[in-house]
Amino acid sequence: MNKSSKKEKSFKEYLQEIESYQQENNLSDKEVANKIHLTTGETREILYCHIDYFTLDRLITYAGRLFSSSEIKVIIEPKKDKLHGRVV
C-alpha cells in the first residue's frame, strides 16, 4: 500500500467513525456541527467524505470533540528508507 493509499484509508476511517456516531446517536447534520464546532456546510463535507477539503490533523481534532481520547486511534508508522537507484 503506497503512502497516498494509507493516507486515504486513515481519512476514510475517521470519516466513517464520525458518520457512524451521527447515525448511532440519531443526530442531524446541524447537531453534529454544533458538537464539533463547525458550520453545517463544513460538517456535511465531512459526512459526505470530501477528503480533499480537510487535513488529517483537522479530522482528528473534530473526532476528539465527539469521542473521548481513549476512543481515538492514531497509528504512526516509521518512514521506510527511500532507496534510489540509477541505471547507467
PDB file of N, CA and C in Angstrom:
ATOM      1  N   MET A   1       0.859  -1.170   0.000  1.00  0.00           N
ATOM      2  CA  MET A   1       0.000   0.000   0.000  1.00  0.00           C
ATOM      3  C   MET A   1       0.906   1.233   0.000  1.00  0.00           C
ATOM      4  N   ASN A   2       0.691   2.131  -0.931  1.00  0.00           N
ATOM      5  CA  ASN A   2       1.540   3.317  -1.011  1.00  0.00           C
ATOM      6  C   ASN A   2       1.086   4.376  -0.013  1.00  0.00           C
ATOM      7  N   LYS A   3       1.902   5.415   0.120  1.00  0.00           N
ATOM      8  CA  LYS A   3       1.646   6.469   1.101  1.00  0.00           C
ATOM      9  C   LYS A   3       0.285   7.120   0.889  1.00  0.00           C
ATOM     10  N   SER A   4      -0.058   7.380  -0.352  1.00  0.00           N
ATOM     11  CA  SER A   4      -1.339   8.006  -0.666  1.00  0.00           C
ATOM     12  C   SER A   4      -2.506   7.119  -0.251  1.00  0.00           C
ATOM     13  N   SER A   5      -2.385   5.819  -0.489  1.00  0.00           N
ATOM     14  CA  SER A   5      -3.449   4.887  -0.115  1.00  0.00           C
ATOM     15  C   SER A   5      -3.617   4.811   1.395  1.00  0.00           C
ATOM     16  N   LYS A   6      -2.495   4.827   2.134  1.00  0.00           N
ATOM     17  CA  LYS A   6      -2.558   4.799   3.602  1.00  0.00           C
ATOM     18  C   LYS A   6      -3.228   6.056   4.132  1.00  0.00           C
ATOM     19  N   LYS A   7      -2.878   7.196   3.559  1.00  0.00           N
ATOM     20  CA  LYS A   7      -3.468   8.458   3.987  1.00  0.00           C
ATOM     21  C   LYS A   7      -4.966   8.451   3.715  1.00  0.00           C
ATOM     22  N   GLU A   8      -5.341   8.000   2.534  1.00  0.00           N
ATOM     23  CA  GLU A   8      -6.762   7.942   2.174  1.00  0.00           C
ATOM     24  C   GLU A   8      -7.513   6.998   3.102  1.00  0.00           C
ATOM     25  N   LYS A   9      -6.889   5.876   3.453  1.00  0.00           N
ATOM     26  CA  LYS A   9      -7.520   4.923   4.368  1.00  0.00           C
ATOM     27  C   LYS A   9      -7.739   5.556   5.737  1.00  0.00           C
ATOM     28  N   SER A  10      -6.752   6.289   6.242  1.00  0.00           N
ATOM     29  CA  SER A  10      -6.879   6.962   7.530  1.00  0.00           C
ATOM     30  C   SER A  10      -8.014   7.976   7.499  1.00  0.00           C
ATOM     31  N   PHE A  11      -8.070   8.767   6.433  1.00  0.00           N
ATOM     32  CA  PHE A  11      -9.145   9.738   6.289  1.00  0.00           C
ATOM     33  C   PHE A  11     -10.498   9.037   6.326  1.00  0.00           C
ATOM     34  N   LYS A  12     -10.627   8.006   5.532  1.00  0.00           N
ATOM     35  CA  LYS A  12     -11.916   7.315   5.436  1.00  0.00           C
ATOM     36  C   LYS A  12     -12.330   6.703   6.766  1.00  0.00           C
ATOM     37  N   GLU A  13     -11.366   6.194   7.524  1.00  0.00           N
ATOM     38  CA  GLU A  13     -11.692   5.622   8.832  1.00  0.00           C
ATOM     39  C   GLU A  13     -12.279   6.687   9.755  1.00  0.00           C
ATOM     40  N   TYR A  14     -11.662   7.869   9.785  1.00  0.00           N
ATOM     41  CA  TYR A  14     -12.184   8.954  10.616  1.00  0.00           C
ATOM     42  C   TYR A  14     -13.541   9.424  10.126  1.00  0.00           C
ATOM     43  N   LEU A  15     -13.681   9.556   8.825  1.00  0.00           N
ATOM     44  CA  LEU A  15     -14.962   9.987   8.268  1.00  0.00           C
ATOM     45  C   LEU A  15     -16.065   8.989   8.598  1.00  0.00           C
ATOM     46  N   GLN A  16     -15.765   7.703   8.493  1.00  0.00           N
ATOM     47  CA  GLN A  16     -16.750   6.666   8.800  1.00  0.00           C
ATOM     48  C   GLN A  16     -17.122   6.663  10.275  1.00  0.00           C
ATOM     49  N   GLU A  17     -16.148   6.896  11.144  1.00  0.00           N
ATOM     50  CA  GLU A  17     -16.433   6.942  12.577  1.00  0.00           C
ATOM     51  C   GLU A  17     -17.359   8.107  12.921  1.00  0.00           C
ATOM     52  N   ILE A  18     -17.121   9.255  12.305  1.00  0.00           N
ATOM     53  CA  ILE A  18     -17.977  10.415  12.560  1.00  0.00           C
ATOM     54  C   ILE A  18     -19.381  10.158  12.026  1.00  0.00           C
ATOM     55  N   GLU A  19     -19.467   9.576  10.839  1.00  0.00           N
ATOM     56  CA  GLU A  19     -20.775   9.256  10.262  1.00  0.00           C
ATOM     57  C   GLU A  19     -21.513   8.219  11.114  1.00  0.00           C
ATOM     58  N   SER A  20     -20.804   7.211  11.587  1.00  0.00           N
ATOM     59  CA  SER A  20     -21.413   6.187  12.446  1.00  0.00           C
ATOM     60  C   SER A  20     -21.922   6.802  13.743  1.00  0.00           C
ATOM     61  N   TYR A  21     -21.148   7.709  14.308  1.00  0.00           N
ATOM     62  CA  TYR A  21     -21.558   8.394  15.535  1.00  0.00           C
ATOM     63  C   TYR A  21     -22.881   9.129  15.300  1.00  0.00           C
ATOM     64  N   GLN A  22     -22.967   9.809  14.178  1.00  0.00           N
ATOM     65  CA  GLN A  22     -24.189  10.542  13.850  1.00  0.00           C
ATOM     66  C   GLN A  22     -25.385   9.591  13.765  1.00  0.00           C
ATOM     67  N   GLN A  23     -25.200   8.479  13.067  1.00  0.00           N
ATOM     68  CA  GLN A  23     -26.296   7.527  12.877  1.00  0.00           C
ATOM     69  C   GLN A  23     -26.690   6.846  14.188  1.00  0.00           C
ATOM     70  N   GLU A  24     -25.690   6.408  14.960  1.00  0.00           N
ATOM     71  CA  GLU A  24     -25.972   5.704  16.215  1.00  0.00           C
ATOM     72  C   GLU A  24     -26.677   6.591  17.234  1.00  0.00           C
ATOM     73  N   ASN A  25     -26.398   7.891  17.181  1.00  0.00           N
ATOM     74  CA  ASN A  25     -26.993   8.824  18.132  1.00  0.00           C
ATOM     75  C   ASN A  25     -28.161   9.605  17.545  1.00  0.00           C
ATOM     76  N   ASN A  26     -28.546   9.225  16.317  1.00  0.00           N
ATOM     77  CA  ASN A  26     -29.694   9.831  15.641  1.00  0.00           C
ATOM     78  C   ASN A  26     -29.616  11.361  15.651  1.00  0.00           C
ATOM     79  N   LEU A  27     -28.462  11.882  15.211  1.00  0.00           N
ATOM     80  CA  LEU A  27     -28.225  13.320  15.213  1.00  0.00           C
ATOM     81  C   LEU A  27     -28.377  13.895  13.813  1.00  0.00           C
ATOM     82  N   SER A  28     -28.871  15.105  13.753  1.00  0.00           N
ATOM     83  CA  SER A  28     -28.939  15.815  12.470  1.00  0.00           C
ATOM     84  C   SER A  28     -27.545  16.342  12.131  1.00  0.00           C
ATOM     85  N   ASP A  29     -27.367  16.771  10.889  1.00  0.00           N
ATOM     86  CA  ASP A  29     -26.095  17.366  10.486  1.00  0.00           C
ATOM     87  C   ASP A  29     -25.791  18.589  11.355  1.00  0.00           C
ATOM     88  N   LYS A  30     -26.813  19.367  11.661  1.00  0.00           N
ATOM     89  CA  LYS A  30     -26.638  20.566  12.480  1.00  0.00           C
ATOM     90  C   LYS A  30     -26.181  20.214  13.891  1.00  0.00           C
ATOM     91  N   GLU A  31     -26.733  19.153  14.464  1.00  0.00           N
ATOM     92  CA  GLU A  31     -26.339  18.738  15.810  1.00  0.00           C
ATOM     93  C   GLU A  31     -24.877  18.275  15.842  1.00  0.00           C
ATOM     94  N   VAL A  32     -24.465  17.544  14.820  1.00  0.00           N
ATOM     95  CA  VAL A  32     -23.063  17.129  14.730  1.00  0.00           C
ATOM     96  C   VAL A  32     -22.184  18.365  14.580  1.00  0.00           C
ATOM     97  N   ALA A  33     -22.601  19.300  13.739  1.00  0.00           N
ATOM     98  CA  ALA A  33     -21.845  20.539  13.528  1.00  0.00           C
ATOM     99  C   ALA A  33     -21.639  21.283  14.849  1.00  0.00           C
ATOM    100  N   ASN A  34     -22.679  21.353  15.650  1.00  0.00           N
ATOM    101  CA  ASN A  34     -22.560  22.033  16.943  1.00  0.00           C
ATOM    102  C   ASN A  34     -21.563  21.325  17.859  1.00  0.00           C
ATOM    103  N   LYS A  35     -21.556  20.005  17.822  1.00  0.00           N
ATOM    104  CA  LYS A  35     -20.655  19.237  18.687  1.00  0.00           C
ATOM    105  C   LYS A  35     -19.190  19.387  18.282  1.00  0.00           C
ATOM    106  N   ILE A  36     -18.935  19.515  16.984  1.00  0.00           N
ATOM    107  CA  ILE A  36     -17.538  19.614  16.547  1.00  0.00           C
ATOM    108  C   ILE A  36     -17.131  21.054  16.213  1.00  0.00           C
ATOM    109  N   HIS A  37     -18.044  22.016  16.488  1.00  0.00           N
ATOM    110  CA  HIS A  37     -17.754  23.441  16.335  1.00  0.00           C
ATOM    111  C   HIS A  37     -17.426  23.828  14.892  1.00  0.00           C
ATOM    112  N   LEU A  38     -18.268  23.362  13.975  1.00  0.00           N
ATOM    113  CA  LEU A  38     -18.150  23.719  12.568  1.00  0.00           C
ATOM    114  C   LEU A  38     -19.491  24.207  12.063  1.00  0.00           C
ATOM    115  N   THR A  39     -19.486  24.778  10.864  1.00  0.00           N
ATOM    116  CA  THR A  39     -20.754  25.129  10.245  1.00  0.00           C
ATOM    117  C   THR A  39     -21.408  23.841   9.737  1.00  0.00           C
ATOM    118  N   THR A  40     -22.692  23.916   9.471  1.00  0.00           N
ATOM    119  CA  THR A  40     -23.396  22.752   8.935  1.00  0.00           C
ATOM    120  C   THR A  40     -22.812  22.364   7.581  1.00  0.00           C
ATOM    121  N   GLY A  41     -22.448  23.345   6.772  1.00  0.00           N
ATOM    122  CA  GLY A  41     -21.858  23.065   5.458  1.00  0.00           C
ATOM    123  C   GLY A  41     -20.538  22.321   5.565  1.00  0.00           C
ATOM    124  N   GLU A  42     -19.665  22.779   6.477  1.00  0.00           N
ATOM    125  CA  GLU A  42     -18.386  22.099   6.668  1.00  0.00           C
ATOM    126  C   GLU A  42     -18.587  20.678   7.186  1.00  0.00           C
ATOM    127  N   THR A  43     -19.557  20.535   8.068  1.00  0.00           N
ATOM    128  CA  THR A  43     -19.847  19.203   8.620  1.00  0.00           C
ATOM    129  C   THR A  43     -20.356  18.275   7.535  1.00  0.00           C
ATOM    130  N   ARG A  44     -21.173  18.779   6.645  1.00  0.00           N
ATOM    131  CA  ARG A  44     -21.663  17.946   5.536  1.00  0.00           C
ATOM    132  C   ARG A  44     -20.514  17.515   4.630  1.00  0.00           C
ATOM    133  N   GLU A  45     -19.513  18.368   4.472  1.00  0.00           N
ATOM    134  CA  GLU A  45     -18.345  17.984   3.682  1.00  0.00           C
ATOM    135  C   GLU A  45     -17.639  16.791   4.320  1.00  0.00           C
ATOM    136  N   ILE A  46     -17.614  16.744   5.640  1.00  0.00           N
ATOM    137  CA  ILE A  46     -17.045  15.587   6.340  1.00  0.00           C
ATOM    138  C   ILE A  46     -17.946  14.375   6.152  1.00  0.00           C
ATOM    139  N   LEU A  47     -19.227  14.554   6.392  1.00  0.00           N
ATOM    140  CA  LEU A  47     -20.168  13.429   6.339  1.00  0.00           C
ATOM    141  C   LEU A  47     -20.309  12.856   4.930  1.00  0.00           C
ATOM    142  N   TYR A  48     -20.058  13.669   3.912  1.00  0.00           N
ATOM    143  CA  TYR A  48     -20.140  13.187   2.538  1.00  0.00           C
ATOM    144  C   TYR A  48     -18.766  12.834   1.970  1.00  0.00           C
ATOM    145  N   CYS A  49     -17.793  12.690   2.883  1.00  0.00           N
ATOM    146  CA  CYS A  49     -16.454  12.168   2.558  1.00  0.00           C
ATOM    147  C   CYS A  49     -15.677  13.000   1.541  1.00  0.00           C
ATOM    148  N   HIS A  50     -15.728  14.300   1.645  1.00  0.00           N
ATOM    149  CA  HIS A  50     -14.917  15.167   0.796  1.00  0.00           C
ATOM    150  C   HIS A  50     -13.536  15.305   1.433  1.00  0.00           C
ATOM    151  N   ILE A  51     -12.714  14.274   1.271  1.00  0.00           N
ATOM    152  CA  ILE A  51     -11.432  14.229   1.983  1.00  0.00           C
ATOM    153  C   ILE A  51     -10.437  15.266   1.503  1.00  0.00           C
ATOM    154  N   ASP A  52     -10.628  15.804   0.322  1.00  0.00           N
ATOM    155  CA  ASP A  52      -9.697  16.810  -0.185  1.00  0.00           C
ATOM    156  C   ASP A  52      -9.835  18.148   0.543  1.00  0.00           C
ATOM    157  N   TYR A  53     -10.909  18.330   1.293  1.00  0.00           N
ATOM    158  CA  TYR A  53     -11.157  19.602   1.956  1.00  0.00           C
ATOM    159  C   TYR A  53     -10.528  19.684   3.348  1.00  0.00           C
ATOM    160  N   PHE A  54     -10.013  18.561   3.853  1.00  0.00           N
ATOM    161  CA  PHE A  54      -9.546  18.520   5.233  1.00  0.00           C
ATOM    162  C   PHE A  54      -8.172  17.884   5.338  1.00  0.00           C
ATOM    163  N   THR A  55      -7.443  18.272   6.371  1.00  0.00           N
ATOM    164  CA  THR A  55      -6.198  17.595   6.693  1.00  0.00           C
ATOM    165  C   THR A  55      -6.506  16.553   7.754  1.00  0.00           C
ATOM    166  N   LEU A  56      -5.648  15.570   7.862  1.00  0.00           N
ATOM    167  CA  LEU A  56      -5.871  14.512   8.839  1.00  0.00           C
ATOM    168  C   LEU A  56      -5.878  15.066  10.257  1.00  0.00           C
ATOM    169  N   ASP A  57      -5.015  16.027  10.551  1.00  0.00           N
ATOM    170  CA  ASP A  57      -4.993  16.572  11.914  1.00  0.00           C
ATOM    171  C   ASP A  57      -6.286  17.314  12.239  1.00  0.00           C
ATOM    172  N   ARG A  58      -6.904  17.945  11.251  1.00  0.00           N
ATOM    173  CA  ARG A  58      -8.206  18.583  11.496  1.00  0.00           C
ATOM    174  C   ARG A  58      -9.275  17.536  11.795  1.00  0.00           C
ATOM    175  N   LEU A  59      -9.270  16.445  11.033  1.00  0.00           N
ATOM    176  CA  LEU A  59     -10.255  15.390  11.296  1.00  0.00           C
ATOM    177  C   LEU A  59     -10.058  14.783  12.679  1.00  0.00           C
ATOM    178  N   ILE A  60      -8.811  14.616  13.086  1.00  0.00           N
ATOM    179  CA  ILE A  60      -8.536  14.090  14.430  1.00  0.00           C
ATOM    180  C   ILE A  60      -9.083  15.053  15.485  1.00  0.00           C
ATOM    181  N   THR A  61      -8.910  16.343  15.254  1.00  0.00           N
ATOM    182  CA  THR A  61      -9.444  17.348  16.185  1.00  0.00           C
ATOM    183  C   THR A  61     -10.963  17.243  16.287  1.00  0.00           C
ATOM    184  N   TYR A  62     -11.622  17.136  15.149  1.00  0.00           N
ATOM    185  CA  TYR A  62     -13.087  17.058  15.151  1.00  0.00           C
ATOM    186  C   TYR A  62     -13.561  15.761  15.811  1.00  0.00           C
ATOM    187  N   ALA A  63     -12.878  14.666  15.516  1.00  0.00           N
ATOM    188  CA  ALA A  63     -13.238  13.393  16.149  1.00  0.00           C
ATOM    189  C   ALA A  63     -13.044  13.487  17.657  1.00  0.00           C
ATOM    190  N   GLY A  64     -11.997  14.193  18.079  1.00  0.00           N
ATOM    191  CA  GLY A  64     -11.740  14.368  19.501  1.00  0.00           C
ATOM    192  C   GLY A  64     -12.851  15.125  20.206  1.00  0.00           C
ATOM    193  N   ARG A  65     -13.573  15.933  19.480  1.00  0.00           N
ATOM    194  CA  ARG A  65     -14.700  16.652  20.073  1.00  0.00           C
ATOM    195  C   ARG A  65     -15.924  15.755  20.240  1.00  0.00           C
ATOM    196  N   LEU A  66     -15.952  14.652  19.503  1.00  0.00           N
ATOM    197  CA  LEU A  66     -17.067  13.709  19.615  1.00  0.00           C
ATOM    198  C   LEU A  66     -16.766  12.550  20.555  1.00  0.00           C
ATOM    199  N   PHE A  67     -15.525  12.094  20.544  1.00  0.00           N
ATOM    200  CA  PHE A  67     -15.153  10.900  21.274  1.00  0.00           C
ATOM    201  C   PHE A  67     -14.154  11.236  22.370  1.00  0.00           C
ATOM    202  N   SER A  68     -14.138  10.414  23.406  1.00  0.00           N
ATOM    203  CA  SER A  68     -13.105  10.601  24.425  1.00  0.00           C
ATOM    204  C   SER A  68     -11.760  10.199  23.833  1.00  0.00           C
ATOM    205  N   SER A  69     -10.681  10.679  24.433  1.00  0.00           N
ATOM    206  CA  SER A  69      -9.353  10.385  23.886  1.00  0.00           C
ATOM    207  C   SER A  69      -9.056   8.893  23.871  1.00  0.00           C
ATOM    208  N   SER A  70      -9.699   8.121  24.740  1.00  0.00           N
ATOM    209  CA  SER A  70      -9.469   6.679  24.744  1.00  0.00           C
ATOM    210  C   SER A  70     -10.159   5.981  23.581  1.00  0.00           C
ATOM    211  N   GLU A  71     -11.026   6.696  22.876  1.00  0.00           N
ATOM    212  CA  GLU A  71     -11.731   6.107  21.743  1.00  0.00           C
ATOM    213  C   GLU A  71     -11.097   6.450  20.403  1.00  0.00           C
ATOM    214  N   ILE A  72     -10.071   7.283  20.404  1.00  0.00           N
ATOM    215  CA  ILE A  72      -9.438   7.704  19.160  1.00  0.00           C
ATOM    216  C   ILE A  72      -8.166   6.907  18.949  1.00  0.00           C
ATOM    217  N   LYS A  73      -8.034   6.332  17.759  1.00  0.00           N
ATOM    218  CA  LYS A  73      -6.865   5.531  17.427  1.00  0.00           C
ATOM    219  C   LYS A  73      -6.058   6.257  16.364  1.00  0.00           C
ATOM    220  N   VAL A  74      -4.789   6.468  16.683  1.00  0.00           N
ATOM    221  CA  VAL A  74      -3.873   7.072  15.727  1.00  0.00           C
ATOM    222  C   VAL A  74      -2.716   6.109  15.553  1.00  0.00           C
ATOM    223  N   ILE A  75      -2.439   5.744  14.334  1.00  0.00           N
ATOM    224  CA  ILE A  75      -1.341   4.819  14.052  1.00  0.00           C
ATOM    225  C   ILE A  75      -0.234   5.607  13.373  1.00  0.00           C
ATOM    226  N   ILE A  76       0.934   5.543  13.960  1.00  0.00           N
ATOM    227  CA  ILE A  76       2.088   6.220  13.392  1.00  0.00           C
ATOM    228  C   ILE A  76       3.066   5.152  12.953  1.00  0.00           C
ATOM    229  N   GLU A  77       3.391   5.176  11.680  1.00  0.00           N
ATOM    230  CA  GLU A  77       4.318   4.193  11.134  1.00  0.00           C
ATOM    231  C   GLU A  77       5.626   4.872  10.789  1.00  0.00           C
ATOM    232  N   PRO A  78       6.737   4.199  11.055  1.00  0.00           N
ATOM    233  CA  PRO A  78       8.024   4.797  10.702  1.00  0.00           C
ATOM    234  C   PRO A  78       8.171   4.872   9.190  1.00  0.00           C
ATOM    235  N   LYS A  79       8.893   5.900   8.746  1.00  0.00           N
ATOM    236  CA  LYS A  79       9.151   6.019   7.318  1.00  0.00           C
ATOM    237  C   LYS A  79      10.136   4.944   6.915  1.00  0.00           C
ATOM    238  N   LYS A  80       9.902   4.377   5.780  1.00  0.00           N
ATOM    239  CA  LYS A  80      10.844   3.405   5.234  1.00  0.00           C
ATOM    240  C   LYS A  80      11.934   4.182   4.510  1.00  0.00           C
ATOM    241  N   ASP A  81      13.150   3.673   4.602  1.00  0.00           N
ATOM    242  CA  ASP A  81      14.246   4.321   3.885  1.00  0.00           C
ATOM    243  C   ASP A  81      13.938   4.306   2.403  1.00  0.00           C
ATOM    244  N   LYS A  82      14.155   5.418   1.797  1.00  0.00           N
ATOM    245  CA  LYS A  82      13.925   5.511   0.361  1.00  0.00           C
ATOM    246  C   LYS A  82      15.223   5.131  -0.334  1.00  0.00           C
ATOM    247  N   LEU A  83      15.144   4.105  -1.110  1.00  0.00           N
ATOM    248  CA  LEU A  83      16.299   3.659  -1.867  1.00  0.00           C
ATOM    249  C   LEU A  83      16.228   4.248  -3.260  1.00  0.00           C
ATOM    250  N   HIS A  84      17.312   4.819  -3.669  1.00  0.00           N
ATOM    251  CA  HIS A  84      17.362   5.407  -5.001  1.00  0.00           C
ATOM    252  C   HIS A  84      18.307   4.592  -5.866  1.00  0.00           C
ATOM    253  N   GLY A  85      17.851   4.265  -7.016  1.00  0.00           N
ATOM    254  CA  GLY A  85      18.687   3.516  -7.943  1.00  0.00           C
ATOM    255  C   GLY A  85      18.966   4.359  -9.169  1.00  0.00           C
ATOM    256  N   ARG A  86      20.023   4.000  -9.831  1.00  0.00           N
ATOM    257  CA  ARG A  86      20.377   4.740 -11.030  1.00  0.00           C
ATOM    258  C   ARG A  86      20.834   3.733 -12.071  1.00  0.00           C
ATOM    259  N   VAL A  87      20.282   3.866 -13.241  1.00  0.00           N
ATOM    260  CA  VAL A  87      20.663   2.984 -14.339  1.00  0.00           C
ATOM    261  C   VAL A  87      21.673   3.730 -15.194  1.00  0.00           C
ATOM    262  N   VAL A  88      22.799   3.088 -15.436  1.00  0.00           N
ATOM    263  CA  VAL A  88      23.854   3.716 -16.243  1.00  0.00           C
ATOM    264  C   VAL A  88      24.013   2.958 -17.535  1.00  0.00           C
TER     265      VAL A  88
END
